[in-house]
């Protein structure tokens, strides 16, 4: 299965056009949150992705709520937040929002570490874990060098050991990768990122 993955589109028309063009070669597209900006323009942002040529699995970032993303997404989009889906034998689980709580104010959709841990406890197994926020200590540094990732997400990765973790949120760490055990973590960013997985090889 060829997977096209991205995060933090932030209503960029040029980035969306790149992703739509790339999707012609994809079996599945995964969007790891922040499709719009500060809860504004989500309908337009999702419309930019309406011509994706493969199914889209999306989670909300801190720039949109789960309910807002559900309402704006097309009927063929699978929106995950504290839930999972099996696509052709590939198990995915999604956790949206900013974790821990961001300093951005009332517009930002955030979770405390305790709430995130409670939600992640629902996930017993996953081949791909999709989180808007990165785990603590991996692909989570700001331009000032501050590590702002989530301990709850890190602990869930240690417990579940998915093959891949897709995240975004921290723009200064776009493109960075790391490992927890055998799990690869990728802070995606808004450019096309390609992964190939054979579901029959997954646990």
N, C-alpha and C. Protein backbone atom coordinates (compact mmCIF):
# COMPACT_ATOMS: atom_id res chain seq x y z
N UNK A 1 0.84 -1.19 0.00
CA UNK A 1 0.00 0.00 0.00
C UNK A 1 0.89 1.25 0.00
N UNK A 2 0.70 2.12 -0.98
CA UNK A 2 1.46 3.36 -1.06
C UNK A 2 0.70 4.46 -0.31
N UNK A 3 1.37 5.05 0.68
CA UNK A 3 0.74 6.04 1.55
C UNK A 3 1.38 7.40 1.33
N UNK A 4 0.57 8.39 1.08
CA UNK A 4 0.98 9.79 0.98
C UNK A 4 0.56 10.48 2.27
N UNK A 5 1.51 11.05 3.00
CA UNK A 5 1.20 11.63 4.31
C UNK A 5 1.70 13.07 4.40
N UNK A 6 0.94 13.89 5.15
CA UNK A 6 1.30 15.30 5.32
C UNK A 6 0.68 15.83 6.60
N UNK A 7 1.15 16.99 7.02
CA UNK A 7 0.54 17.70 8.14
C UNK A 7 0.60 19.20 7.86
N UNK A 8 -0.15 19.96 8.64
CA UNK A 8 0.01 21.42 8.68
C UNK A 8 -0.13 22.09 7.31
N UNK A 9 -1.20 21.75 6.63
CA UNK A 9 -1.47 22.40 5.34
C UNK A 9 -1.70 23.90 5.52
N UNK A 10 -2.38 24.28 6.57
CA UNK A 10 -2.65 25.69 6.89
C UNK A 10 -3.16 26.48 5.69
N UNK A 11 -4.13 25.86 4.99
CA UNK A 11 -4.86 26.55 3.93
C UNK A 11 -3.96 27.02 2.78
N UNK A 12 -2.87 26.31 2.53
CA UNK A 12 -1.97 26.69 1.45
C UNK A 12 -2.44 26.10 0.13
N UNK A 13 -2.80 26.95 -0.79
CA UNK A 13 -3.30 26.49 -2.08
C UNK A 13 -2.21 25.76 -2.86
N UNK A 14 -0.99 26.28 -2.83
CA UNK A 14 0.09 25.65 -3.59
C UNK A 14 0.46 24.29 -3.01
N UNK A 15 0.49 24.18 -1.68
CA UNK A 15 0.79 22.90 -1.05
C UNK A 15 -0.31 21.88 -1.35
N UNK A 16 -1.56 22.33 -1.28
CA UNK A 16 -2.67 21.43 -1.57
C UNK A 16 -2.60 20.91 -3.00
N UNK A 17 -2.24 21.78 -3.93
CA UNK A 17 -2.14 21.37 -5.34
C UNK A 17 -1.07 20.30 -5.51
N UNK A 18 0.05 20.44 -4.79
CA UNK A 18 1.11 19.42 -4.84
C UNK A 18 0.59 18.08 -4.32
N UNK A 19 -0.15 18.14 -3.22
CA UNK A 19 -0.66 16.90 -2.62
C UNK A 19 -1.69 16.23 -3.52
N UNK A 20 -2.57 17.03 -4.10
CA UNK A 20 -3.59 16.47 -5.00
C UNK A 20 -2.92 15.80 -6.20
N UNK A 21 -1.92 16.45 -6.78
CA UNK A 21 -1.22 15.86 -7.92
C UNK A 21 -0.52 14.56 -7.53
N UNK A 22 0.12 14.57 -6.36
CA UNK A 22 0.83 13.38 -5.90
C UNK A 22 -0.10 12.23 -5.61
N UNK A 23 -1.33 12.53 -5.22
CA UNK A 23 -2.27 11.48 -4.80
C UNK A 23 -2.63 10.52 -5.92
N UNK A 24 -2.34 10.87 -7.16
CA UNK A 24 -2.61 9.97 -8.28
C UNK A 24 -1.84 8.66 -8.15
N UNK A 25 -0.73 8.70 -7.39
CA UNK A 25 0.10 7.51 -7.21
C UNK A 25 -0.11 6.84 -5.86
N UNK A 26 -1.08 7.33 -5.08
CA UNK A 26 -1.27 6.84 -3.71
C UNK A 26 -2.47 5.89 -3.61
N UNK A 27 -2.37 4.96 -2.67
CA UNK A 27 -3.51 4.13 -2.31
C UNK A 27 -4.28 4.72 -1.14
N UNK A 28 -3.58 5.54 -0.33
CA UNK A 28 -4.16 6.14 0.86
C UNK A 28 -3.44 7.44 1.14
N UNK A 29 -4.21 8.46 1.58
CA UNK A 29 -3.64 9.75 1.98
C UNK A 29 -3.95 9.95 3.46
N UNK A 30 -2.95 10.41 4.21
CA UNK A 30 -3.11 10.67 5.64
C UNK A 30 -2.75 12.11 5.93
N UNK A 31 -3.67 12.84 6.57
CA UNK A 31 -3.45 14.23 6.95
C UNK A 31 -3.43 14.36 8.46
N UNK A 32 -2.29 14.81 9.02
CA UNK A 32 -2.11 14.83 10.47
C UNK A 32 -2.41 16.19 11.10
N UNK A 33 -3.49 16.82 10.64
CA UNK A 33 -4.01 17.99 11.34
C UNK A 33 -3.52 19.34 10.86
N UNK A 34 -4.23 20.38 11.31
CA UNK A 34 -4.00 21.79 10.95
C UNK A 34 -4.18 22.02 9.45
N UNK A 35 -5.42 21.86 9.03
CA UNK A 35 -5.78 22.11 7.65
C UNK A 35 -6.03 23.60 7.40
N UNK A 36 -6.44 24.33 8.44
CA UNK A 36 -6.75 25.75 8.30
C UNK A 36 -5.90 26.55 9.28
N UNK A 37 -6.31 27.78 9.55
CA UNK A 37 -5.57 28.66 10.45
C UNK A 37 -6.51 29.21 11.52
N UNK A 38 -6.19 28.93 12.78
CA UNK A 38 -6.90 29.53 13.91
C UNK A 38 -8.41 29.40 13.80
N UNK A 39 -8.87 28.20 13.38
CA UNK A 39 -10.30 27.86 13.30
C UNK A 39 -11.02 28.63 12.19
N UNK A 40 -10.27 29.21 11.24
CA UNK A 40 -10.86 29.99 10.17
C UNK A 40 -10.56 29.35 8.81
N UNK A 41 -11.56 29.34 7.92
CA UNK A 41 -11.35 28.91 6.55
C UNK A 41 -11.24 27.41 6.35
N UNK A 42 -11.80 26.63 7.27
CA UNK A 42 -11.65 25.18 7.16
C UNK A 42 -12.39 24.63 5.94
N UNK A 43 -13.59 25.10 5.67
CA UNK A 43 -14.33 24.63 4.51
C UNK A 43 -13.52 24.83 3.23
N UNK A 44 -12.94 26.01 3.09
CA UNK A 44 -12.13 26.30 1.90
C UNK A 44 -10.89 25.42 1.86
N UNK A 45 -10.26 25.22 3.01
CA UNK A 45 -9.04 24.40 3.06
C UNK A 45 -9.33 22.96 2.65
N UNK A 46 -10.43 22.41 3.13
CA UNK A 46 -10.78 21.04 2.76
C UNK A 46 -11.21 20.95 1.30
N UNK A 47 -11.81 22.01 0.78
CA UNK A 47 -12.18 22.03 -0.64
C UNK A 47 -10.94 21.94 -1.52
N UNK A 48 -9.82 22.48 -1.06
CA UNK A 48 -8.57 22.40 -1.82
C UNK A 48 -8.12 20.95 -2.00
N UNK A 49 -8.58 20.07 -1.11
CA UNK A 49 -8.20 18.66 -1.17
C UNK A 49 -9.29 17.78 -1.77
N UNK A 50 -10.32 18.40 -2.30
CA UNK A 50 -11.49 17.64 -2.76
C UNK A 50 -11.18 16.74 -3.97
N UNK A 51 -10.09 17.03 -4.68
CA UNK A 51 -9.75 16.22 -5.85
C UNK A 51 -8.69 15.16 -5.55
N UNK A 52 -8.41 14.91 -4.28
CA UNK A 52 -7.51 13.81 -3.94
C UNK A 52 -7.99 12.52 -4.59
N UNK A 53 -7.06 11.77 -5.15
CA UNK A 53 -7.44 10.58 -5.92
C UNK A 53 -7.28 9.28 -5.13
N UNK A 54 -7.23 9.40 -3.81
CA UNK A 54 -7.19 8.24 -2.92
C UNK A 54 -7.94 8.61 -1.65
N UNK A 55 -8.42 7.63 -0.89
CA UNK A 55 -9.13 7.94 0.36
C UNK A 55 -8.24 8.73 1.32
N UNK A 56 -8.86 9.64 2.06
CA UNK A 56 -8.16 10.47 3.03
C UNK A 56 -8.54 10.07 4.45
N UNK A 57 -7.54 9.81 5.28
CA UNK A 57 -7.72 9.67 6.72
C UNK A 57 -7.15 10.92 7.36
N UNK A 58 -7.97 11.63 8.13
CA UNK A 58 -7.56 12.92 8.68
C UNK A 58 -7.82 12.99 10.17
N UNK A 59 -6.95 13.69 10.88
CA UNK A 59 -7.19 13.99 12.29
C UNK A 59 -7.20 15.51 12.45
N UNK A 60 -7.90 16.03 13.44
CA UNK A 60 -7.87 17.48 13.67
C UNK A 60 -6.55 17.90 14.31
N UNK A 61 -6.06 19.07 13.90
CA UNK A 61 -4.93 19.66 14.60
C UNK A 61 -5.43 20.54 15.73
N UNK A 62 -4.61 21.47 16.15
CA UNK A 62 -5.10 22.43 17.14
C UNK A 62 -5.78 23.62 16.46
N UNK A 63 -5.73 23.68 15.12
CA UNK A 63 -6.36 24.78 14.38
C UNK A 63 -7.80 24.50 13.99
N UNK A 64 -8.29 23.29 14.26
CA UNK A 64 -9.69 22.95 13.98
C UNK A 64 -10.12 21.89 14.98
N UNK A 65 -11.41 21.88 15.31
CA UNK A 65 -11.93 20.88 16.23
C UNK A 65 -12.34 19.63 15.46
N UNK A 66 -12.54 18.56 16.20
CA UNK A 66 -13.01 17.30 15.60
C UNK A 66 -14.35 17.51 14.91
N UNK A 67 -15.25 18.20 15.58
CA UNK A 67 -16.59 18.43 15.01
C UNK A 67 -16.51 19.30 13.76
N UNK A 68 -15.65 20.31 13.78
CA UNK A 68 -15.49 21.18 12.62
C UNK A 68 -14.91 20.41 11.44
N UNK A 69 -13.94 19.55 11.71
CA UNK A 69 -13.34 18.78 10.62
C UNK A 69 -14.32 17.77 10.05
N UNK A 70 -15.09 17.13 10.91
CA UNK A 70 -16.12 16.22 10.43
C UNK A 70 -17.10 16.93 9.50
N UNK A 71 -17.51 18.13 9.88
CA UNK A 71 -18.49 18.88 9.09
C UNK A 71 -17.90 19.33 7.76
N UNK A 72 -16.62 19.66 7.73
CA UNK A 72 -16.00 20.21 6.51
C UNK A 72 -15.48 19.13 5.57
N UNK A 73 -15.25 17.92 6.08
CA UNK A 73 -14.65 16.86 5.27
C UNK A 73 -15.66 16.28 4.29
N UNK A 74 -15.16 15.77 3.19
CA UNK A 74 -16.03 15.13 2.21
C UNK A 74 -16.48 13.78 2.74
N UNK A 75 -17.48 13.22 2.09
CA UNK A 75 -18.04 11.96 2.55
C UNK A 75 -17.08 10.79 2.49
N UNK A 76 -16.03 10.90 1.68
CA UNK A 76 -15.07 9.81 1.55
C UNK A 76 -13.90 9.94 2.52
N UNK A 77 -13.91 10.99 3.35
CA UNK A 77 -12.84 11.21 4.31
C UNK A 77 -13.17 10.52 5.64
N UNK A 78 -12.20 9.84 6.20
CA UNK A 78 -12.34 9.21 7.51
C UNK A 78 -11.67 10.12 8.54
N UNK A 79 -12.44 10.70 9.45
CA UNK A 79 -11.91 11.60 10.47
C UNK A 79 -11.75 10.82 11.78
N UNK A 80 -10.54 10.79 12.30
CA UNK A 80 -10.24 10.05 13.52
C UNK A 80 -9.83 11.01 14.63
N UNK A 81 -10.32 10.75 15.83
CA UNK A 81 -9.86 11.46 17.03
C UNK A 81 -10.28 10.61 18.22
N UNK A 82 -9.33 9.85 18.74
CA UNK A 82 -9.65 8.88 19.78
C UNK A 82 -10.34 7.66 19.23
N UNK A 83 -10.10 7.39 17.96
CA UNK A 83 -10.73 6.26 17.29
C UNK A 83 -9.79 5.68 16.25
N UNK A 84 -10.13 4.48 15.78
CA UNK A 84 -9.29 3.81 14.81
C UNK A 84 -10.08 3.33 13.62
N UNK A 85 -9.37 2.85 12.63
CA UNK A 85 -10.00 2.31 11.42
C UNK A 85 -9.06 1.27 10.82
N UNK A 86 -9.65 0.26 10.21
CA UNK A 86 -8.91 -0.77 9.49
C UNK A 86 -9.15 -0.56 8.00
N UNK A 87 -8.09 -0.30 7.26
CA UNK A 87 -8.20 -0.09 5.82
C UNK A 87 -7.39 -1.18 5.12
N UNK A 88 -8.08 -2.11 4.52
CA UNK A 88 -7.45 -3.22 3.79
C UNK A 88 -6.41 -3.94 4.65
N UNK A 89 -6.75 -4.12 5.93
CA UNK A 89 -5.87 -4.85 6.83
C UNK A 89 -4.85 -4.00 7.56
N UNK A 90 -4.79 -2.70 7.23
CA UNK A 90 -3.88 -1.78 7.90
C UNK A 90 -4.63 -1.08 9.02
N UNK A 91 -4.12 -1.20 10.25
CA UNK A 91 -4.80 -0.63 11.42
C UNK A 91 -4.23 0.76 11.72
N UNK A 92 -5.12 1.76 11.75
CA UNK A 92 -4.73 3.12 12.06
C UNK A 92 -5.51 3.63 13.26
N UNK A 93 -4.86 4.45 14.08
CA UNK A 93 -5.52 5.10 15.22
C UNK A 93 -5.08 6.55 15.22
N UNK A 94 -6.04 7.46 15.51
CA UNK A 94 -5.75 8.88 15.47
C UNK A 94 -6.02 9.61 16.76
N UNK A 95 -5.14 10.55 17.09
CA UNK A 95 -5.35 11.48 18.20
C UNK A 95 -5.00 12.88 17.71
N UNK A 96 -6.02 13.73 17.66
CA UNK A 96 -5.80 15.10 17.21
C UNK A 96 -5.45 16.04 18.35
N UNK A 97 -5.45 17.34 18.01
CA UNK A 97 -5.27 18.45 18.96
C UNK A 97 -3.81 18.62 19.41
N UNK A 98 -3.57 19.75 20.06
CA UNK A 98 -2.27 20.03 20.63
C UNK A 98 -2.14 19.39 22.00
N UNK A 99 -1.04 18.66 22.21
CA UNK A 99 -0.76 18.03 23.50
C UNK A 99 0.72 18.26 23.82
N UNK A 100 1.05 18.83 24.97
CA UNK A 100 0.16 19.36 26.01
C UNK A 100 -0.49 20.67 25.56
N UNK A 101 -1.23 21.30 26.46
CA UNK A 101 -1.94 22.53 26.15
C UNK A 101 -0.96 23.60 25.66
N UNK A 102 -1.30 24.24 24.54
CA UNK A 102 -0.42 25.24 23.94
C UNK A 102 -0.63 26.61 24.59
N UNK A 103 0.27 27.55 24.32
CA UNK A 103 0.10 28.91 24.84
C UNK A 103 -0.69 29.82 23.90
N UNK A 104 -1.38 29.25 22.92
CA UNK A 104 -1.95 30.06 21.85
C UNK A 104 -3.28 30.71 22.17
N UNK A 105 -3.92 30.29 23.25
CA UNK A 105 -5.17 30.94 23.63
C UNK A 105 -6.40 30.14 23.30
N UNK A 106 -7.56 30.81 23.38
CA UNK A 106 -8.85 30.12 23.35
C UNK A 106 -9.19 29.48 22.01
N UNK A 107 -8.59 29.97 20.92
CA UNK A 107 -8.92 29.38 19.62
C UNK A 107 -8.31 27.99 19.44
N UNK A 108 -7.24 27.68 20.18
CA UNK A 108 -6.49 26.45 19.96
C UNK A 108 -7.19 25.25 20.60
N UNK A 109 -7.31 24.17 19.84
CA UNK A 109 -7.91 22.93 20.33
C UNK A 109 -6.80 22.07 20.95
N UNK A 110 -6.81 21.97 22.27
CA UNK A 110 -5.73 21.33 23.00
C UNK A 110 -6.25 20.27 23.96
N UNK A 111 -5.33 19.40 24.38
CA UNK A 111 -5.62 18.40 25.40
C UNK A 111 -4.53 18.45 26.46
N UNK A 112 -4.91 18.22 27.71
CA UNK A 112 -3.91 18.01 28.75
C UNK A 112 -3.26 16.64 28.54
N UNK A 113 -2.11 16.45 29.15
CA UNK A 113 -1.46 15.14 29.06
C UNK A 113 -2.36 14.04 29.62
N UNK A 114 -3.05 14.35 30.72
CA UNK A 114 -3.91 13.34 31.35
C UNK A 114 -5.06 12.95 30.44
N UNK A 115 -5.67 13.93 29.78
CA UNK A 115 -6.79 13.64 28.87
C UNK A 115 -6.30 12.87 27.66
N UNK A 116 -5.14 13.26 27.13
CA UNK A 116 -4.58 12.53 25.99
C UNK A 116 -4.29 11.09 26.36
N UNK A 117 -3.72 10.87 27.54
CA UNK A 117 -3.42 9.50 27.98
C UNK A 117 -4.69 8.67 28.10
N UNK A 118 -5.75 9.29 28.61
CA UNK A 118 -7.03 8.58 28.73
C UNK A 118 -7.56 8.16 27.37
N UNK A 119 -7.48 9.06 26.39
CA UNK A 119 -7.96 8.74 25.05
C UNK A 119 -7.09 7.66 24.40
N UNK A 120 -5.78 7.80 24.54
CA UNK A 120 -4.87 6.83 23.92
C UNK A 120 -4.98 5.45 24.54
N UNK A 121 -5.49 5.36 25.77
CA UNK A 121 -5.66 4.06 26.41
C UNK A 121 -6.67 3.18 25.66
N UNK A 122 -7.50 3.79 24.82
CA UNK A 122 -8.46 3.03 24.01
C UNK A 122 -7.76 2.23 22.91
N UNK A 123 -6.55 2.62 22.58
CA UNK A 123 -5.83 1.98 21.47
C UNK A 123 -4.99 0.83 21.99
N UNK A 124 -5.33 -0.38 21.58
CA UNK A 124 -4.58 -1.56 22.01
C UNK A 124 -3.54 -1.97 20.99
N UNK A 125 -3.79 -1.69 19.73
CA UNK A 125 -2.84 -2.02 18.67
C UNK A 125 -3.05 -1.08 17.49
N UNK A 126 -1.97 -0.79 16.77
CA UNK A 126 -2.05 0.03 15.57
C UNK A 126 -0.79 -0.19 14.75
N UNK A 127 -0.95 -0.21 13.45
CA UNK A 127 0.21 -0.22 12.56
C UNK A 127 0.74 1.19 12.35
N UNK A 128 -0.19 2.15 12.27
CA UNK A 128 0.17 3.56 12.15
C UNK A 128 -0.62 4.35 13.19
N UNK A 129 0.10 5.09 14.03
CA UNK A 129 -0.51 6.01 14.99
C UNK A 129 -0.36 7.42 14.42
N UNK A 130 -1.49 8.11 14.27
CA UNK A 130 -1.49 9.47 13.70
C UNK A 130 -1.81 10.44 14.82
N UNK A 131 -0.86 11.30 15.16
CA UNK A 131 -1.04 12.29 16.21
C UNK A 131 -0.66 13.65 15.67
N UNK A 132 -1.43 14.67 16.00
CA UNK A 132 -1.01 16.00 15.55
C UNK A 132 0.29 16.41 16.25
N UNK A 133 0.38 16.15 17.54
CA UNK A 133 1.56 16.54 18.31
C UNK A 133 2.60 15.42 18.29
N UNK A 134 3.88 15.77 18.31
CA UNK A 134 4.92 14.75 18.39
C UNK A 134 5.10 14.23 19.81
N UNK A 135 5.75 13.10 19.95
CA UNK A 135 6.07 12.60 21.30
C UNK A 135 7.18 13.43 21.93
N UNK A 136 7.23 13.43 23.22
CA UNK A 136 8.26 14.17 23.95
C UNK A 136 9.65 13.70 23.54
N UNK A 137 10.48 14.68 23.12
CA UNK A 137 11.88 14.39 22.85
C UNK A 137 12.22 13.99 21.44
N UNK A 138 11.22 13.86 20.56
CA UNK A 138 11.47 13.45 19.18
C UNK A 138 10.74 14.38 18.23
N UNK A 139 11.48 15.04 17.35
CA UNK A 139 10.91 15.93 16.34
C UNK A 139 9.96 16.95 16.96
N UNK A 140 10.35 17.47 18.14
CA UNK A 140 9.44 18.33 18.90
C UNK A 140 10.08 19.62 19.38
N UNK A 141 11.18 20.04 18.77
CA UNK A 141 11.88 21.23 19.26
C UNK A 141 11.47 22.48 18.49
N UNK A 142 11.24 23.55 19.24
CA UNK A 142 10.95 24.85 18.65
C UNK A 142 12.26 25.49 18.17
N UNK A 143 12.13 26.65 17.53
CA UNK A 143 13.32 27.36 17.06
C UNK A 143 14.22 27.77 18.21
N UNK A 144 13.65 27.87 19.41
CA UNK A 144 14.43 28.22 20.60
C UNK A 144 15.07 26.99 21.25
N UNK A 145 14.85 25.82 20.65
CA UNK A 145 15.43 24.59 21.18
C UNK A 145 14.64 23.94 22.29
N UNK A 146 13.41 24.41 22.52
CA UNK A 146 12.59 23.86 23.59
C UNK A 146 11.86 22.62 23.12
N UNK A 147 11.92 21.55 23.91
CA UNK A 147 11.21 20.30 23.61
C UNK A 147 9.78 20.43 24.12
N UNK A 148 8.80 20.38 23.21
CA UNK A 148 7.41 20.65 23.59
C UNK A 148 6.47 19.50 23.23
N UNK A 149 7.03 18.31 23.02
CA UNK A 149 6.20 17.17 22.67
C UNK A 149 5.46 16.60 23.87
N UNK A 150 4.71 15.54 23.61
CA UNK A 150 3.78 14.97 24.59
C UNK A 150 4.35 13.71 25.25
N UNK A 151 4.33 13.69 26.57
CA UNK A 151 4.72 12.48 27.30
C UNK A 151 3.67 11.38 27.15
N UNK A 152 2.39 11.77 27.07
CA UNK A 152 1.33 10.78 26.90
C UNK A 152 1.47 10.04 25.57
N UNK A 153 1.81 10.78 24.52
CA UNK A 153 2.01 10.16 23.21
C UNK A 153 3.24 9.26 23.23
N UNK A 154 4.31 9.71 23.86
CA UNK A 154 5.52 8.88 23.98
C UNK A 154 5.21 7.57 24.70
N UNK A 155 4.49 7.65 25.80
CA UNK A 155 4.16 6.44 26.56
C UNK A 155 3.27 5.50 25.76
N UNK A 156 2.36 6.06 24.95
CA UNK A 156 1.50 5.22 24.12
C UNK A 156 2.32 4.51 23.05
N UNK A 157 3.29 5.20 22.48
CA UNK A 157 4.16 4.57 21.47
C UNK A 157 4.94 3.43 22.10
N UNK A 158 5.46 3.64 23.29
CA UNK A 158 6.22 2.59 23.98
C UNK A 158 5.34 1.37 24.24
N UNK A 159 4.08 1.61 24.55
CA UNK A 159 3.16 0.51 24.85
C UNK A 159 2.68 -0.20 23.59
N UNK A 160 2.29 0.57 22.57
CA UNK A 160 1.66 0.00 21.38
C UNK A 160 2.69 -0.51 20.37
N UNK A 161 3.81 0.20 20.26
CA UNK A 161 4.86 -0.10 19.28
C UNK A 161 4.31 -0.23 17.85
N UNK A 162 3.66 0.84 17.35
CA UNK A 162 3.23 0.81 15.96
C UNK A 162 4.44 0.83 15.03
N UNK A 163 4.22 0.51 13.79
CA UNK A 163 5.32 0.58 12.82
C UNK A 163 5.71 2.04 12.56
N UNK A 164 4.70 2.90 12.42
CA UNK A 164 4.94 4.30 12.10
C UNK A 164 4.11 5.19 13.00
N UNK A 165 4.65 6.37 13.33
CA UNK A 165 3.90 7.44 13.97
C UNK A 165 4.04 8.67 13.10
N UNK A 166 2.91 9.20 12.64
CA UNK A 166 2.91 10.44 11.87
C UNK A 166 2.45 11.57 12.77
N UNK A 167 3.17 12.70 12.74
CA UNK A 167 2.80 13.86 13.52
C UNK A 167 3.15 15.12 12.75
N UNK A 168 2.93 16.27 13.38
CA UNK A 168 3.26 17.57 12.79
C UNK A 168 3.38 18.59 13.91
N UNK A 169 2.59 19.67 13.80
CA UNK A 169 2.39 20.65 14.87
C UNK A 169 3.58 21.58 15.10
N UNK A 170 4.77 21.03 15.31
CA UNK A 170 5.95 21.85 15.57
C UNK A 170 6.65 22.13 14.24
N UNK A 171 6.37 23.31 13.68
CA UNK A 171 6.84 23.63 12.34
C UNK A 171 8.36 23.60 12.24
N UNK A 172 9.04 24.00 13.29
CA UNK A 172 10.50 24.04 13.25
C UNK A 172 11.12 22.65 13.15
N UNK A 173 10.32 21.62 13.39
CA UNK A 173 10.83 20.24 13.33
C UNK A 173 10.28 19.46 12.14
N UNK A 174 9.65 20.14 11.20
CA UNK A 174 9.18 19.45 9.99
C UNK A 174 10.33 18.69 9.34
N UNK A 175 10.04 17.46 8.94
CA UNK A 175 11.03 16.64 8.27
C UNK A 175 11.92 15.84 9.19
N UNK A 176 11.84 16.09 10.49
CA UNK A 176 12.68 15.36 11.43
C UNK A 176 12.06 14.00 11.75
N UNK A 177 12.93 13.04 12.02
CA UNK A 177 12.49 11.68 12.33
C UNK A 177 13.23 11.17 13.57
N UNK A 178 12.72 10.10 14.12
CA UNK A 178 13.37 9.45 15.25
C UNK A 178 12.74 8.09 15.48
N UNK A 179 13.23 7.36 16.47
CA UNK A 179 12.72 6.02 16.75
C UNK A 179 12.48 5.84 18.24
N UNK A 180 11.45 5.07 18.54
CA UNK A 180 11.22 4.53 19.87
C UNK A 180 11.11 3.03 19.68
N UNK A 181 12.14 2.30 20.08
CA UNK A 181 12.18 0.88 19.76
C UNK A 181 12.21 0.72 18.25
N UNK A 182 11.29 -0.09 17.72
CA UNK A 182 11.21 -0.32 16.28
C UNK A 182 10.28 0.67 15.58
N UNK A 183 9.70 1.57 16.34
CA UNK A 183 8.73 2.52 15.78
C UNK A 183 9.45 3.74 15.21
N UNK A 184 9.14 4.07 13.94
CA UNK A 184 9.66 5.29 13.33
C UNK A 184 8.67 6.42 13.53
N UNK A 185 9.16 7.56 14.01
CA UNK A 185 8.33 8.75 14.20
C UNK A 185 8.74 9.78 13.16
N UNK A 186 7.76 10.41 12.49
CA UNK A 186 8.04 11.40 11.46
C UNK A 186 7.18 12.64 11.69
N UNK A 187 7.83 13.79 11.81
CA UNK A 187 7.12 15.08 11.80
C UNK A 187 7.01 15.47 10.33
N UNK A 188 5.83 15.38 9.78
CA UNK A 188 5.63 15.36 8.33
C UNK A 188 5.84 16.71 7.64
N UNK A 189 5.08 17.72 8.06
CA UNK A 189 5.06 18.97 7.32
C UNK A 189 4.18 18.85 6.09
N UNK A 190 3.99 19.96 5.36
CA UNK A 190 2.97 20.01 4.30
C UNK A 190 3.40 19.52 2.92
N UNK A 191 4.60 18.98 2.81
CA UNK A 191 5.03 18.45 1.51
C UNK A 191 4.70 16.96 1.43
N UNK A 192 4.65 16.40 0.21
CA UNK A 192 4.35 14.97 0.09
C UNK A 192 5.42 14.10 0.74
N UNK A 193 4.99 13.19 1.60
CA UNK A 193 5.85 12.20 2.24
C UNK A 193 5.33 10.82 1.86
N UNK A 194 6.22 9.96 1.40
CA UNK A 194 5.80 8.67 0.86
C UNK A 194 6.26 7.51 1.75
N UNK A 195 5.34 6.55 1.94
CA UNK A 195 5.63 5.34 2.71
C UNK A 195 4.93 4.18 2.03
N UNK A 196 5.56 3.03 2.05
CA UNK A 196 4.95 1.83 1.46
C UNK A 196 4.91 0.74 2.51
N UNK A 197 3.74 0.21 2.76
CA UNK A 197 3.52 -0.82 3.77
C UNK A 197 2.68 -1.94 3.17
N UNK A 198 3.11 -3.15 3.41
CA UNK A 198 2.31 -4.32 3.06
C UNK A 198 1.54 -4.74 4.31
N UNK A 199 0.21 -4.56 4.31
CA UNK A 199 -0.55 -4.92 5.51
C UNK A 199 -0.35 -6.36 5.96
N UNK A 200 -0.02 -7.23 5.05
CA UNK A 200 0.17 -8.64 5.42
C UNK A 200 1.43 -8.83 6.27
N UNK A 201 2.34 -7.84 6.23
CA UNK A 201 3.55 -7.92 7.04
C UNK A 201 3.36 -7.34 8.44
N UNK A 202 2.20 -6.70 8.67
CA UNK A 202 1.97 -6.04 9.95
C UNK A 202 1.46 -7.04 10.97
N UNK A 203 1.62 -6.67 12.24
CA UNK A 203 1.23 -7.57 13.32
C UNK A 203 -0.28 -7.69 13.41
